[in-house]
Amino acid sequence: MGFDRLLGNAQLKQSLHRSLNQNHISHFYLISGPRGSGKHTLARLLAAGILCRGSDKPCLSCPACRKVLENIHPDVITIEDPEHKNVSVKIVRDFREDMFIQPNEGSHKIYLLPQDLGVEGQNALLKILEEPPSYGVFLLLTDNPEKLLPTVRSRCTELSLQPLPAELLSSALKSDFPQAQPEDIAAAIRRSGGFYGQAKELLQGGDVLLPQTRQFLQAYAAKDPLQLLQVLVPMEKWKRDQLLTALNQWLELLGEALSCQAGGITPSSLTRNLCGCRSARDLTNAIAQLQTAITYAHSNVSPGTICGFLCWTLR
């Protein structure tokens, strides 16, 4: 079955497979899940299934399926607005008008929206959702369905992607990263929340962890106030959002170290040294201070003040 390319989510895949092969196609699908959950993979497979000309949809071998997967099918249009956080209302109005032009070669015309819509954009979309042409299909991707207006959400078929079972995720990661240590795979599974994309990023060592996070862990494990100061002082000039990203990473990893000391988990390579150098009392205190710092950041306290607070309380 073509949906097997998407890991896990067996019930969702079976339901879609059955619906497509019975030609029961919704005009609006809301695909929801956190980053790395497989939203884009599911959207492509669903678009292929809708346009598939094989007997078992999606067959992934007919010309229509191959074009969708290669991102060259003329009836699958991706709507993005890279210059703005949300797709502008003008772009929504433009593709709303374009929808009334018949498909080029397929039975349906599919609009893929991987970017959030603001309130105005959603209201503009609502007009076409109320009376879409019979061939029109929208695939809207979101990390949080609550961002949508109730009037928009009520018109969708919601497809919610779930975390993968640990056994399935572990098997996939071991296959993709045969050189990874078992404890690092276990830590990636835990920190990803069960979502393959996030776990993969962690094991690839991409931009998931800031350099300052590794430096902080080393300084805190070494119980070196000067080294800690060297990490925090340059961060006084950061923007608040940047600082929050770092603080949340630190909080998560200290929590991992504390759980390890309680015998709950196997430490990752990042926290293994920390577990041996700091007591449970130290880690509990540091976690409390980081939580306070995060509260300060959300309360618009300046990054300089927050870094000074941490230099003093974590010394």
C-alpha atoms as a PDB file:
ATOM      1  CA  MET A   1       0.000   0.000   0.000  1.00  0.00           C
ATOM      2  CA  GLY A   2       1.366   3.416  -0.985  1.00  0.00           C
ATOM      3  CA  PHE A   3       0.809   4.935   2.442  1.00  0.00           C
ATOM      4  CA  ASP A   4       3.421   2.588   3.895  1.00  0.00           C
ATOM      5  CA  ARG A   5       5.989   5.271   3.129  1.00  0.00           C
ATOM      6  CA  LEU A   6       4.584   7.085   6.142  1.00  0.00           C
ATOM      7  CA  LEU A   7       5.758   5.444   9.373  1.00  0.00           C
ATOM      8  CA  GLY A   8       3.181   4.388  11.937  1.00  0.00           C
ATOM      9  CA  ASN A   9      -0.325   5.908  11.993  1.00  0.00           C
ATOM     10  CA  ALA A  10      -1.817   2.595  10.843  1.00  0.00           C
ATOM     11  CA  GLN A  11      -5.456   3.456  11.489  1.00  0.00           C
ATOM     12  CA  LEU A  12      -5.186   6.785   9.671  1.00  0.00           C
ATOM     13  CA  LYS A  13      -3.517   5.166   6.660  1.00  0.00           C
ATOM     14  CA  GLN A  14      -6.099   2.380   6.466  1.00  0.00           C
ATOM     15  CA  SER A  15      -8.935   4.901   6.595  1.00  0.00           C
ATOM     16  CA  LEU A  16      -7.435   7.033   3.813  1.00  0.00           C
ATOM     17  CA  HIS A  17      -6.656   3.997   1.674  1.00  0.00           C
ATOM     18  CA  ARG A  18     -10.235   2.787   1.984  1.00  0.00           C
ATOM     19  CA  SER A  19     -11.721   6.222   1.255  1.00  0.00           C
ATOM     20  CA  LEU A  20      -9.573   6.849  -1.820  1.00  0.00           C
ATOM     21  CA  ASN A  21     -10.321   3.463  -3.333  1.00  0.00           C
ATOM     22  CA  GLN A  22     -14.040   4.072  -2.789  1.00  0.00           C
ATOM     23  CA  ASN A  23     -13.594   7.502  -4.429  1.00  0.00           C
ATOM     24  CA  HIS A  24     -14.675   9.285  -1.263  1.00  0.00           C
ATOM     25  CA  ILE A  25     -12.593  12.459  -1.447  1.00  0.00           C
ATOM     26  CA  SER A  26     -13.013  15.477   0.820  1.00  0.00           C
ATOM     27  CA  HIS A  27     -12.517  18.960  -0.587  1.00  0.00           C
ATOM     28  CA  PHE A  28     -10.587  20.068   2.530  1.00  0.00           C
ATOM     29  CA  TYR A  29      -8.079  18.047   4.562  1.00  0.00           C
ATOM     30  CA  LEU A  30      -6.413  19.464   7.650  1.00  0.00           C
ATOM     31  CA  ILE A  31      -3.159  17.593   8.300  1.00  0.00           C
ATOM     32  CA  SER A  32      -1.942  18.324  11.817  1.00  0.00           C
ATOM     33  CA  GLY A  33       1.087  17.328  13.858  1.00  0.00           C
ATOM     34  CA  PRO A  34       4.272  18.818  15.287  1.00  0.00           C
ATOM     35  CA  ARG A  35       7.428  19.443  13.285  1.00  0.00           C
ATOM     36  CA  GLY A  36       8.881  16.179  12.058  1.00  0.00           C
ATOM     37  CA  SER A  37       5.636  14.226  12.379  1.00  0.00           C
ATOM     38  CA  GLY A  38       5.312  13.498   8.651  1.00  0.00           C
ATOM     39  CA  LYS A  39       2.826  16.179   7.550  1.00  0.00           C
ATOM     40  CA  HIS A  40       4.559  16.836   4.225  1.00  0.00           C
ATOM     41  CA  THR A  41       4.990  13.121   3.528  1.00  0.00           C
ATOM     42  CA  LEU A  42       1.307  12.457   4.165  1.00  0.00           C
ATOM     43  CA  ALA A  43       0.252  15.449   2.052  1.00  0.00           C
ATOM     44  CA  ARG A  44       2.243  14.197  -0.956  1.00  0.00           C
ATOM     45  CA  LEU A  45       0.953  10.644  -0.586  1.00  0.00           C
ATOM     46  CA  LEU A  46      -2.624  11.880  -0.248  1.00  0.00           C
ATOM     47  CA  ALA A  47      -2.276  14.129  -3.306  1.00  0.00           C
ATOM     48  CA  ALA A  48      -0.854  11.171  -5.232  1.00  0.00           C
ATOM     49  CA  GLY A  49      -3.762   9.008  -4.091  1.00  0.00           C
ATOM     50  CA  ILE A  50      -6.335  11.587  -5.189  1.00  0.00           C
ATOM     51  CA  LEU A  51      -4.812  11.861  -8.677  1.00  0.00           C
ATOM     52  CA  CYS A  52      -3.729   8.197  -8.966  1.00  0.00           C
ATOM     53  CA  ARG A  53      -4.842   6.280 -12.042  1.00  0.00           C
ATOM     54  CA  GLY A  54      -3.935   2.865 -10.690  1.00  0.00           C
ATOM     55  CA  SER A  55      -6.303   0.315  -9.211  1.00  0.00           C
ATOM     56  CA  ASP A  56      -4.888   0.532  -5.679  1.00  0.00           C
ATOM     57  CA  LYS A  57      -4.536   4.171  -4.660  1.00  0.00           C
ATOM     58  CA  PRO A  58      -1.939   5.506  -4.281  1.00  0.00           C
ATOM     59  CA  CYS A  59      -0.062   3.034  -6.455  1.00  0.00           C
ATOM     60  CA  LEU A  60       3.033   5.297  -6.615  1.00  0.00           C
ATOM     61  CA  SER A  61       3.923   3.865 -10.001  1.00  0.00           C
ATOM     62  CA  CYS A  62       1.467   5.440 -12.470  1.00  0.00           C
ATOM     63  CA  PRO A  63       2.504   8.660 -14.269  1.00  0.00           C
ATOM     64  CA  ALA A  64       0.245  10.796 -12.046  1.00  0.00           C
ATOM     65  CA  CYS A  65       1.682   9.407  -8.798  1.00  0.00           C
ATOM     66  CA  ARG A  66       5.252   9.798 -10.017  1.00  0.00           C
ATOM     67  CA  LYS A  67       4.651  13.403 -11.033  1.00  0.00           C
ATOM     68  CA  VAL A  68       3.175  14.238  -7.639  1.00  0.00           C
ATOM     69  CA  LEU A  69       6.090  12.649  -5.789  1.00  0.00           C
ATOM     70  CA  GLU A  70       8.570  14.452  -8.047  1.00  0.00           C
ATOM     71  CA  ASN A  71       6.718  17.730  -7.419  1.00  0.00           C
ATOM     72  CA  ILE A  72       6.012  18.317 -11.117  1.00  0.00           C
ATOM     73  CA  HIS A  73       2.292  17.567 -11.414  1.00  0.00           C
ATOM     74  CA  PRO A  74       0.533  20.640 -12.886  1.00  0.00           C
ATOM     75  CA  ASP A  75      -2.582  20.058 -10.780  1.00  0.00           C
ATOM     76  CA  VAL A  76      -0.790  20.105  -7.418  1.00  0.00           C
ATOM     77  CA  ILE A  77      -0.063  23.718  -6.504  1.00  0.00           C
ATOM     78  CA  THR A  78       1.924  24.660  -3.396  1.00  0.00           C
ATOM     79  CA  ILE A  79       0.900  27.994  -1.889  1.00  0.00           C
ATOM     80  CA  GLU A  80       3.607  29.778   0.110  1.00  0.00           C
ATOM     81  CA  ASP A  81       4.474  33.331   1.071  1.00  0.00           C
ATOM     82  CA  PRO A  82       8.157  33.258   2.117  1.00  0.00           C
ATOM     83  CA  GLU A  83       8.244  36.995   2.807  1.00  0.00           C
ATOM     84  CA  HIS A  84       5.650  36.779   5.587  1.00  0.00           C
ATOM     85  CA  LYS A  85       4.942  34.631   8.629  1.00  0.00           C
ATOM     86  CA  ASN A  86       1.389  33.957   7.394  1.00  0.00           C
ATOM     87  CA  VAL A  87       0.203  33.632   3.806  1.00  0.00           C
ATOM     88  CA  SER A  88      -1.091  37.062   2.793  1.00  0.00           C
ATOM     89  CA  VAL A  89      -4.775  37.530   2.067  1.00  0.00           C
ATOM     90  CA  LYS A  90      -3.918  38.642  -1.495  1.00  0.00           C
ATOM     91  CA  ILE A  91      -2.274  35.289  -2.250  1.00  0.00           C
ATOM     92  CA  VAL A  92      -5.313  33.473  -0.835  1.00  0.00           C
ATOM     93  CA  ARG A  93      -7.615  35.515  -3.071  1.00  0.00           C
ATOM     94  CA  ASP A  94      -5.424  34.824  -6.100  1.00  0.00           C
ATOM     95  CA  PHE A  95      -5.467  31.038  -5.716  1.00  0.00           C
ATOM     96  CA  ARG A  96      -9.163  31.191  -4.836  1.00  0.00           C
ATOM     97  CA  GLU A  97      -9.787  32.633  -8.298  1.00  0.00           C
ATOM     98  CA  ASP A  98      -7.347  30.187  -9.904  1.00  0.00           C
ATOM     99  CA  MET A  99      -9.328  27.258  -8.521  1.00  0.00           C
ATOM    100  CA  PHE A 100     -12.142  27.937 -10.976  1.00  0.00           C
ATOM    101  CA  ILE A 101      -9.799  27.127 -13.861  1.00  0.00           C
ATOM    102  CA  GLN A 102     -10.251  23.457 -14.755  1.00  0.00           C
ATOM    103  CA  PRO A 103      -7.466  20.952 -13.915  1.00  0.00           C
ATOM    104  CA  ASN A 104      -4.783  20.517 -16.565  1.00  0.00           C
ATOM    105  CA  GLU A 105      -4.675  16.736 -16.731  1.00  0.00           C
ATOM    106  CA  GLY A 106      -6.039  15.223 -13.541  1.00  0.00           C
ATOM    107  CA  SER A 107      -9.450  14.594 -12.052  1.00  0.00           C
ATOM    108  CA  HIS A 108      -8.819  17.132  -9.271  1.00  0.00           C
ATOM    109  CA  LYS A 109      -6.938  20.342  -8.653  1.00  0.00           C
ATOM    110  CA  ILE A 110      -5.087  20.256  -5.341  1.00  0.00           C
ATOM    111  CA  TYR A 111      -3.784  23.215  -3.360  1.00  0.00           C
ATOM    112  CA  LEU A 112      -1.137  22.413  -0.749  1.00  0.00           C
ATOM    113  CA  LEU A 113      -0.809  25.016   2.010  1.00  0.00           C
ATOM    114  CA  PRO A 114       2.174  24.210   4.287  1.00  0.00           C
ATOM    115  CA  GLN A 115       2.215  27.697   5.827  1.00  0.00           C
ATOM    116  CA  ASP A 116      -0.141  29.223   8.401  1.00  0.00           C
ATOM    117  CA  LEU A 117      -2.988  31.514   7.376  1.00  0.00           C
ATOM    118  CA  GLY A 118      -3.878  34.585   9.404  1.00  0.00           C
ATOM    119  CA  VAL A 119      -7.452  35.472  10.318  1.00  0.00           C
ATOM    120  CA  GLU A 120      -7.989  37.480   7.109  1.00  0.00           C
ATOM    121  CA  GLY A 121      -6.524  34.692   5.000  1.00  0.00           C
ATOM    122  CA  GLN A 122      -8.745  32.110   6.693  1.00  0.00           C
ATOM    123  CA  ASN A 123     -11.831  34.235   6.094  1.00  0.00           C
ATOM    124  CA  ALA A 124     -10.851  34.560   2.430  1.00  0.00           C
ATOM    125  CA  LEU A 125     -10.373  30.783   2.238  1.00  0.00           C
ATOM    126  CA  LEU A 126     -13.727  30.215   3.906  1.00  0.00           C
ATOM    127  CA  LYS A 127     -15.539  31.717   0.915  1.00  0.00           C
ATOM    128  CA  ILE A 128     -14.248  29.016  -1.407  1.00  0.00           C
ATOM    129  CA  LEU A 129     -14.680  26.275   1.197  1.00  0.00           C
ATOM    130  CA  GLU A 130     -18.395  27.060   1.385  1.00  0.00           C
ATOM    131  CA  GLU A 131     -18.940  26.399  -2.338  1.00  0.00           C
ATOM    132  CA  PRO A 132     -15.847  24.795  -3.902  1.00  0.00           C
ATOM    133  CA  PRO A 133     -15.839  23.440  -7.466  1.00  0.00           C
ATOM    134  CA  SER A 134     -16.300  19.674  -7.513  1.00  0.00           C
ATOM    135  CA  TYR A 135     -12.679  19.055  -8.502  1.00  0.00           C
ATOM    136  CA  GLY A 136     -11.132  21.374  -5.889  1.00  0.00           C
ATOM    137  CA  VAL A 137      -9.132  19.990  -2.919  1.00  0.00           C
ATOM    138  CA  PHE A 138      -7.227  21.853  -0.190  1.00  0.00           C
ATOM    139  CA  LEU A 139      -4.501  20.247   1.936  1.00  0.00           C
ATOM    140  CA  LEU A 140      -3.738  22.557   4.852  1.00  0.00           C
ATOM    141  CA  LEU A 141      -0.800  21.666   7.114  1.00  0.00           C
ATOM    142  CA  THR A 142      -0.581  22.917  10.688  1.00  0.00           C
ATOM    143  CA  ASP A 143       1.238  22.162  13.910  1.00  0.00           C
ATOM    144  CA  ASN A 144      -1.792  23.286  15.908  1.00  0.00           C
ATOM    145  CA  PRO A 145      -5.417  22.984  14.701  1.00  0.00           C
ATOM    146  CA  GLU A 146      -6.440  25.514  17.365  1.00  0.00           C
ATOM    147  CA  LYS A 147      -4.917  28.225  15.160  1.00  0.00           C
ATOM    148  CA  LEU A 148      -7.861  27.821  12.785  1.00  0.00           C
ATOM    149  CA  LEU A 149     -11.145  29.638  13.070  1.00  0.00           C
ATOM    150  CA  PRO A 150     -13.974  27.325  14.174  1.00  0.00           C
ATOM    151  CA  THR A 151     -15.844  28.106  10.941  1.00  0.00           C
ATOM    152  CA  VAL A 152     -12.863  26.915   8.891  1.00  0.00           C
ATOM    153  CA  ARG A 153     -12.055  23.886  11.010  1.00  0.00           C
ATOM    154  CA  SER A 154     -15.648  22.681  10.977  1.00  0.00           C
ATOM    155  CA  ARG A 155     -15.427  22.212   7.202  1.00  0.00           C
ATOM    156  CA  CYS A 156     -12.339  20.016   7.199  1.00  0.00           C
ATOM    157  CA  THR A 157     -11.533  16.343   7.355  1.00  0.00           C
ATOM    158  CA  GLU A 158      -8.906  16.342  10.077  1.00  0.00           C
ATOM    159  CA  LEU A 159      -5.936  14.010   9.796  1.00  0.00           C
ATOM    160  CA  SER A 160      -3.953  14.068  13.034  1.00  0.00           C
ATOM    161  CA  LEU A 161      -0.510  12.462  13.007  1.00  0.00           C
ATOM    162  CA  GLN A 162       0.471  10.559  16.142  1.00  0.00           C
ATOM    163  CA  PRO A 163       3.837   9.770  17.781  1.00  0.00           C
ATOM    164  CA  LEU A 164       5.409   6.519  16.674  1.00  0.00           C
ATOM    165  CA  PRO A 165       5.741   3.522  19.012  1.00  0.00           C
ATOM    166  CA  ALA A 166       9.231   3.447  20.517  1.00  0.00           C
ATOM    167  CA  GLU A 167       9.986   0.057  18.942  1.00  0.00           C
ATOM    168  CA  LEU A 168       9.093   1.231  15.436  1.00  0.00           C
ATOM    169  CA  LEU A 169      10.974   4.519  15.786  1.00  0.00           C
ATOM    170  CA  SER A 170      14.022   2.746  17.240  1.00  0.00           C
ATOM    171  CA  SER A 171      14.084   0.269  14.355  1.00  0.00           C
ATOM    172  CA  ALA A 172      13.877   3.060  11.763  1.00  0.00           C
ATOM    173  CA  LEU A 173      16.627   5.104  13.434  1.00  0.00           C
ATOM    174  CA  LYS A 174      18.944   2.116  13.823  1.00  0.00           C
ATOM    175  CA  SER A 175      18.527   1.414  10.118  1.00  0.00           C
ATOM    176  CA  ASP A 176      19.233   5.041   9.155  1.00  0.00           C
ATOM    177  CA  PHE A 177      22.038   5.583  11.704  1.00  0.00           C
ATOM    178  CA  PRO A 178      23.852   2.246  12.063  1.00  0.00           C
ATOM    179  CA  GLN A 179      26.854   3.929  13.728  1.00  0.00           C
ATOM    180  CA  ALA A 180      24.804   5.684  16.442  1.00  0.00           C
ATOM    181  CA  GLN A 181      25.195   4.557  20.031  1.00  0.00           C
ATOM    182  CA  PRO A 182      22.118   2.877  21.591  1.00  0.00           C
ATOM    183  CA  GLU A 183      21.938   5.496  24.352  1.00  0.00           C
ATOM    184  CA  ASP A 184      21.955   8.316  21.778  1.00  0.00           C
ATOM    185  CA  ILE A 185      19.118   6.669  19.835  1.00  0.00           C
ATOM    186  CA  ALA A 186      17.172   6.254  23.085  1.00  0.00           C
ATOM    187  CA  ALA A 187      17.758   9.906  23.980  1.00  0.00           C
ATOM    188  CA  ALA A 188      16.702  11.070  20.487  1.00  0.00           C
ATOM    189  CA  ILE A 189      13.482   9.054  20.746  1.00  0.00           C
ATOM    190  CA  ARG A 190      12.734  10.528  24.147  1.00  0.00           C
ATOM    191  CA  ARG A 191      13.523  14.125  23.225  1.00  0.00           C
ATOM    192  CA  SER A 192      11.643  13.945  19.910  1.00  0.00           C
ATOM    193  CA  GLY A 193       8.388  12.981  21.587  1.00  0.00           C
ATOM    194  CA  GLY A 194       8.137   9.987  19.253  1.00  0.00           C
ATOM    195  CA  PHE A 195       8.320  11.909  15.969  1.00  0.00           C
ATOM    196  CA  TYR A 196      10.742  10.571  13.376  1.00  0.00           C
ATOM    197  CA  GLY A 197      11.730  13.886  11.788  1.00  0.00           C
ATOM    198  CA  GLN A 198      12.768  15.437  15.087  1.00  0.00           C
ATOM    199  CA  ALA A 199      14.642  12.305  16.193  1.00  0.00           C
ATOM    200  CA  LYS A 200      16.487  12.242  12.878  1.00  0.00           C
ATOM    201  CA  GLU A 201      17.544  15.871  13.267  1.00  0.00           C
ATOM    202  CA  LEU A 202      18.876  15.164  16.734  1.00  0.00           C
ATOM    203  CA  LEU A 203      20.998  12.256  15.523  1.00  0.00           C
ATOM    204  CA  GLN A 204      22.243  14.214  12.536  1.00  0.00           C
ATOM    205  CA  GLY A 205      23.488  16.875  14.951  1.00  0.00           C
ATOM    206  CA  GLY A 206      21.970  19.644  12.869  1.00  0.00           C
ATOM    207  CA  ASP A 207      20.747  22.934  14.255  1.00  0.00           C
ATOM    208  CA  VAL A 208      18.725  21.285  17.008  1.00  0.00           C
ATOM    209  CA  LEU A 209      21.212  22.164  19.751  1.00  0.00           C
ATOM    210  CA  LEU A 210      22.885  25.547  19.958  1.00  0.00           C
ATOM    211  CA  PRO A 211      26.671  25.639  20.475  1.00  0.00           C
ATOM    212  CA  GLN A 212      25.975  27.538  23.709  1.00  0.00           C
ATOM    213  CA  THR A 213      24.007  24.538  24.985  1.00  0.00           C
ATOM    214  CA  ARG A 214      27.011  22.247  24.782  1.00  0.00           C
ATOM    215  CA  GLN A 215      29.191  24.963  26.322  1.00  0.00           C
ATOM    216  CA  PHE A 216      26.725  25.451  29.164  1.00  0.00           C
ATOM    217  CA  LEU A 217      26.594  21.732  29.947  1.00  0.00           C
ATOM    218  CA  GLN A 218      30.385  21.568  30.045  1.00  0.00           C
ATOM    219  CA  ALA A 219      30.643  24.637  32.293  1.00  0.00           C
ATOM    220  CA  TYR A 220      27.938  23.493  34.684  1.00  0.00           C
ATOM    221  CA  ALA A 221      29.350  19.972  34.916  1.00  0.00           C
ATOM    222  CA  ALA A 222      32.817  21.411  35.624  1.00  0.00           C
ATOM    223  CA  LYS A 223      31.424  23.651  38.411  1.00  0.00           C
ATOM    224  CA  ASP A 224      33.441  26.474  36.861  1.00  0.00           C
ATOM    225  CA  PRO A 225      31.872  29.945  37.463  1.00  0.00           C
ATOM    226  CA  LEU A 226      34.314  31.638  35.059  1.00  0.00           C
ATOM    227  CA  GLN A 227      33.500  29.208  32.256  1.00  0.00           C
ATOM    228  CA  LEU A 228      29.782  29.721  32.938  1.00  0.00           C
ATOM    229  CA  LEU A 229      30.303  33.481  32.815  1.00  0.00           C
ATOM    230  CA  GLN A 230      32.028  33.147  29.434  1.00  0.00           C
ATOM    231  CA  VAL A 231      28.952  31.346  28.103  1.00  0.00           C
ATOM    232  CA  LEU A 232      26.344  33.752  29.492  1.00  0.00           C
ATOM    233  CA  VAL A 233      27.918  37.199  29.038  1.00  0.00           C
ATOM    234  CA  PRO A 234      27.824  37.171  25.187  1.00  0.00           C
ATOM    235  CA  MET A 235      24.190  36.032  25.397  1.00  0.00           C
ATOM    236  CA  GLU A 236      23.213  39.285  27.148  1.00  0.00           C
ATOM    237  CA  LYS A 237      22.973  40.886  23.691  1.00  0.00           C
ATOM    238  CA  TRP A 238      20.696  38.187  22.276  1.00  0.00           C
ATOM    239  CA  LYS A 239      17.077  38.744  21.370  1.00  0.00           C
ATOM    240  CA  ARG A 240      14.581  37.361  23.841  1.00  0.00           C
ATOM    241  CA  ASP A 241      13.365  34.614  21.457  1.00  0.00           C
ATOM    242  CA  GLN A 242      16.927  33.377  20.927  1.00  0.00           C
ATOM    243  CA  LEU A 243      17.524  33.308  24.654  1.00  0.00           C
ATOM    244  CA  LEU A 244      14.308  31.353  25.266  1.00  0.00           C
ATOM    245  CA  THR A 245      15.395  28.713  22.764  1.00  0.00           C
ATOM    246  CA  ALA A 246      18.652  28.213  24.653  1.00  0.00           C
ATOM    247  CA  LEU A 247      17.028  28.216  28.090  1.00  0.00           C
ATOM    248  CA  ASN A 248      14.484  25.607  27.052  1.00  0.00           C
ATOM    249  CA  GLN A 249      17.243  23.379  25.676  1.00  0.00           C
ATOM    250  CA  TRP A 250      19.181  23.695  28.928  1.00  0.00           C
ATOM    251  CA  LEU A 251      16.082  22.952  30.981  1.00  0.00           C
ATOM    252  CA  GLU A 252      15.291  19.851  28.928  1.00  0.00           C
ATOM    253  CA  LEU A 253      18.803  18.436  29.220  1.00  0.00           C
ATOM    254  CA  LEU A 254      19.101  19.088  32.946  1.00  0.00           C
ATOM    255  CA  GLY A 255      15.754  17.338  33.358  1.00  0.00           C
ATOM    256  CA  GLU A 256      17.152  14.398  31.387  1.00  0.00           C
ATOM    257  CA  ALA A 257      20.192  14.257  33.703  1.00  0.00           C
ATOM    258  CA  LEU A 258      17.960  14.364  36.782  1.00  0.00           C
ATOM    259  CA  SER A 259      15.784  11.551  35.435  1.00  0.00           C
ATOM    260  CA  CYS A 260      18.910   9.531  34.780  1.00  0.00           C
ATOM    261  CA  GLN A 261      20.053   9.925  38.382  1.00  0.00           C
ATOM    262  CA  ALA A 262      16.653   8.698  39.535  1.00  0.00           C
ATOM    263  CA  GLY A 263      17.170   5.568  37.428  1.00  0.00           C
ATOM    264  CA  GLY A 264      14.445   6.439  34.949  1.00  0.00           C
ATOM    265  CA  ILE A 265      16.356   6.756  31.671  1.00  0.00           C
ATOM    266  CA  THR A 266      19.670   6.059  29.979  1.00  0.00           C
ATOM    267  CA  PRO A 267      21.638   9.297  29.588  1.00  0.00           C
ATOM    268  CA  SER A 268      22.575  10.638  26.188  1.00  0.00           C
ATOM    269  CA  SER A 269      26.164  11.470  25.366  1.00  0.00           C
ATOM    270  CA  LEU A 270      25.351  15.108  26.111  1.00  0.00           C
ATOM    271  CA  THR A 271      24.250  14.513  29.683  1.00  0.00           C
ATOM    272  CA  ARG A 272      26.360  11.496  30.644  1.00  0.00           C
ATOM    273  CA  ASN A 273      29.147  13.652  32.135  1.00  0.00           C
ATOM    274  CA  LEU A 274      26.637  15.883  33.902  1.00  0.00           C
ATOM    275  CA  CYS A 275      25.089  12.922  35.710  1.00  0.00           C
ATOM    276  CA  GLY A 276      28.424  12.046  37.289  1.00  0.00           C
ATOM    277  CA  CYS A 277      29.498  15.560  38.199  1.00  0.00           C
ATOM    278  CA  ARG A 278      26.357  17.074  39.666  1.00  0.00           C
ATOM    279  CA  SER A 279      24.098  15.809  42.452  1.00  0.00           C
ATOM    280  CA  ALA A 280      20.336  15.489  42.214  1.00  0.00           C
ATOM    281  CA  ARG A 281      20.089  18.470  44.561  1.00  0.00           C
ATOM    282  CA  ASP A 282      22.299  20.568  42.258  1.00  0.00           C
ATOM    283  CA  LEU A 283      20.241  19.623  39.210  1.00  0.00           C
ATOM    284  CA  THR A 284      16.917  20.294  40.974  1.00  0.00           C
ATOM    285  CA  ASN A 285      18.127  23.750  42.010  1.00  0.00           C
ATOM    286  CA  ALA A 286      19.418  24.552  38.511  1.00  0.00           C
ATOM    287  CA  ILE A 287      16.134  23.441  36.941  1.00  0.00           C
ATOM    288  CA  ALA A 288      14.231  25.741  39.316  1.00  0.00           C
ATOM    289  CA  GLN A 289      16.492  28.685  38.405  1.00  0.00           C
ATOM    290  CA  LEU A 290      16.085  28.031  34.682  1.00  0.00           C
ATOM    291  CA  GLN A 291      12.306  27.874  35.068  1.00  0.00           C
ATOM    292  CA  THR A 292      12.439  31.236  36.833  1.00  0.00           C
ATOM    293  CA  ALA A 293      14.612  32.649  34.034  1.00  0.00           C
ATOM    294  CA  ILE A 294      12.134  31.420  31.411  1.00  0.00           C
ATOM    295  CA  THR A 295       9.300  33.075  33.332  1.00  0.00           C
ATOM    296  CA  TYR A 296      11.305  36.308  33.377  1.00  0.00           C
ATOM    297  CA  ALA A 297      11.851  36.075  29.609  1.00  0.00           C
ATOM    298  CA  HIS A 298       8.123  35.643  28.987  1.00  0.00           C
ATOM    299  CA  SER A 299       7.542  38.668  31.245  1.00  0.00           C
ATOM    300  CA  ASN A 300       9.753  40.890  29.035  1.00  0.00           C
ATOM    301  CA  VAL A 301      12.697  41.037  31.437  1.00  0.00           C
ATOM    302  CA  SER A 302      15.809  41.987  29.443  1.00  0.00           C
ATOM    303  CA  PRO A 303      18.210  39.227  28.303  1.00  0.00           C
ATOM    304  CA  GLY A 304      21.047  41.026  30.096  1.00  0.00           C
ATOM    305  CA  THR A 305      19.222  40.867  33.422  1.00  0.00           C
ATOM    306  CA  ILE A 306      18.304  37.210  32.905  1.00  0.00           C
ATOM    307  CA  CYS A 307      21.893  36.226  32.060  1.00  0.00           C
ATOM    308  CA  GLY A 308      23.144  38.093  35.125  1.00  0.00           C
ATOM    309  CA  PHE A 309      20.585  36.271  37.270  1.00  0.00           C
ATOM    310  CA  LEU A 310      21.779  32.890  35.949  1.00  0.00           C
ATOM    311  CA  CYS A 311      25.456  33.780  36.396  1.00  0.00           C
ATOM    312  CA  TRP A 312      24.734  34.403  40.093  1.00  0.00           C
ATOM    313  CA  THR A 313      22.320  31.552  40.858  1.00  0.00           C
ATOM    314  CA  LEU A 314      24.146  28.798  38.916  1.00  0.00           C
ATOM    315  CA  ARG A 315      27.691  29.736  39.905  1.00  0.00           C
END
